[in-house]
């Protein structure tokens, strides 16, 4: 499945995911975890795992939510999205898969 940033690379390790989360949070972006069983690029409506993590500063908290979602839905595609809300609008600044079912 090729969707989001890093699509053509091998799956990211938890350490690499943590580094990307630190990058996003360091820029003040809100992070959210989403999942679906229909990962086609035209499917814009993924289910959210909880609420977006506004104000989160520690990437370990976001990685914990990623792992909780993985445990609950190991057979689903899971992605992390980071939103940049500067200038009064919410824009996806970064999005990447963190789980691909076998």
Protein backbone atom coordinates (compact mmCIF):
# COMPACT_ATOMS: atom_id res chain seq x y z
CA UNK A 1 0.00 0.00 0.00
CA UNK A 2 1.46 3.32 -1.03
CA UNK A 3 -0.20 6.12 0.86
CA UNK A 4 1.23 9.12 2.65
CA UNK A 5 4.83 10.06 3.31
CA UNK A 6 7.41 7.24 3.25
CA UNK A 7 5.09 4.96 1.22
CA UNK A 8 7.87 3.47 -0.86
CA UNK A 9 10.16 2.78 2.09
CA UNK A 10 10.10 -0.32 4.29
CA UNK A 11 7.81 -0.09 7.31
CA UNK A 12 9.08 2.32 9.96
CA UNK A 13 10.35 0.95 13.26
CA UNK A 14 8.91 2.29 16.51
CA UNK A 15 12.08 4.34 16.96
CA UNK A 16 11.66 5.90 13.51
CA UNK A 17 7.97 6.56 14.20
CA UNK A 18 8.99 8.25 17.45
CA UNK A 19 11.42 10.49 15.57
CA UNK A 20 8.72 11.53 13.11
CA UNK A 21 6.34 12.23 15.99
CA UNK A 22 9.02 14.36 17.67
CA UNK A 23 9.49 16.26 14.39
CA UNK A 24 5.77 16.99 14.11
CA UNK A 25 5.28 17.90 17.76
CA UNK A 26 8.39 20.10 17.66
CA UNK A 27 6.64 22.23 15.04
CA UNK A 28 3.50 22.53 17.13
CA UNK A 29 1.43 20.23 14.95
CA UNK A 30 -1.43 18.25 16.48
CA UNK A 31 -1.09 14.49 15.98
CA UNK A 32 -3.90 12.00 15.44
CA UNK A 33 -4.06 8.25 14.91
CA UNK A 34 -6.53 6.86 12.36
CA UNK A 35 -7.41 3.38 11.10
CA UNK A 36 -9.38 1.71 8.31
CA UNK A 37 -9.96 -1.56 6.50
CA UNK A 38 -10.31 0.34 3.18
CA UNK A 39 -6.98 2.11 2.54
CA UNK A 40 -7.64 3.20 -1.04
CA UNK A 41 -6.37 6.77 -1.62
CA UNK A 42 -9.89 8.03 -2.41
CA UNK A 43 -11.13 6.90 1.00
CA UNK A 44 -10.79 10.12 3.00
CA UNK A 45 -12.88 8.88 5.91
CA UNK A 46 -10.69 6.86 8.24
CA UNK A 47 -11.88 6.14 11.79
CA UNK A 48 -10.15 8.18 14.47
CA UNK A 49 -8.46 6.55 17.44
CA UNK A 50 -9.52 9.00 20.12
CA UNK A 51 -9.26 12.73 19.61
CA UNK A 52 -6.39 14.62 17.99
CA UNK A 53 -3.61 15.23 20.50
CA UNK A 54 -3.53 19.02 20.67
CA UNK A 55 -0.88 20.43 22.98
CA UNK A 56 1.01 17.16 23.30
CA UNK A 57 4.76 17.72 23.70
CA UNK A 58 6.14 14.24 24.39
CA UNK A 59 6.23 11.86 21.39
CA UNK A 60 6.05 8.89 23.79
CA UNK A 61 2.38 9.73 24.45
CA UNK A 62 1.55 9.62 20.75
CA UNK A 63 3.57 6.42 20.24
CA UNK A 64 1.63 4.86 23.12
CA UNK A 65 -1.63 5.64 21.29
CA UNK A 66 -0.22 4.16 18.06
CA UNK A 67 0.62 0.94 19.89
CA UNK A 68 -2.79 0.81 21.61
CA UNK A 69 -4.49 1.15 18.22
CA UNK A 70 -2.22 -1.57 16.77
CA UNK A 71 -3.22 -3.93 19.58
CA UNK A 72 -6.93 -3.20 19.12
CA UNK A 73 -6.86 -3.38 15.29
CA UNK A 74 -3.92 -5.51 14.11
CA UNK A 75 -5.80 -6.32 10.89
CA UNK A 76 -6.33 -2.68 9.86
CA UNK A 77 -4.26 -0.02 8.20
CA UNK A 78 -3.22 2.59 10.74
CA UNK A 79 -1.75 5.99 10.02
CA UNK A 80 -0.50 9.00 11.89
CA UNK A 81 -1.54 12.44 10.67
CA UNK A 82 -0.08 15.72 11.86
CA UNK A 83 -2.09 18.91 11.45
CA UNK A 84 -0.69 22.41 11.13
CA UNK A 85 -3.31 24.86 12.38
CA UNK A 86 -1.38 28.08 11.76
CA UNK A 87 -3.23 30.95 10.12
CA UNK A 88 -6.59 29.71 11.37
CA UNK A 89 -6.87 26.68 9.10
CA UNK A 90 -6.16 23.04 9.71
CA UNK A 91 -3.94 21.43 7.09
CA UNK A 92 -2.39 17.98 7.02
CA UNK A 93 1.33 18.61 7.13
CA UNK A 94 2.47 15.00 7.54
CA UNK A 95 0.76 11.64 7.17
CA UNK A 96 2.29 8.16 7.17
CA UNK A 97 1.28 4.53 7.70
CA UNK A 98 2.36 2.81 10.90
CA UNK A 99 0.56 -0.52 10.41
CA UNK A 100 -0.13 -2.62 7.34
CA UNK A 101 -1.93 -5.94 7.79
CA UNK A 102 -0.27 -9.06 6.44
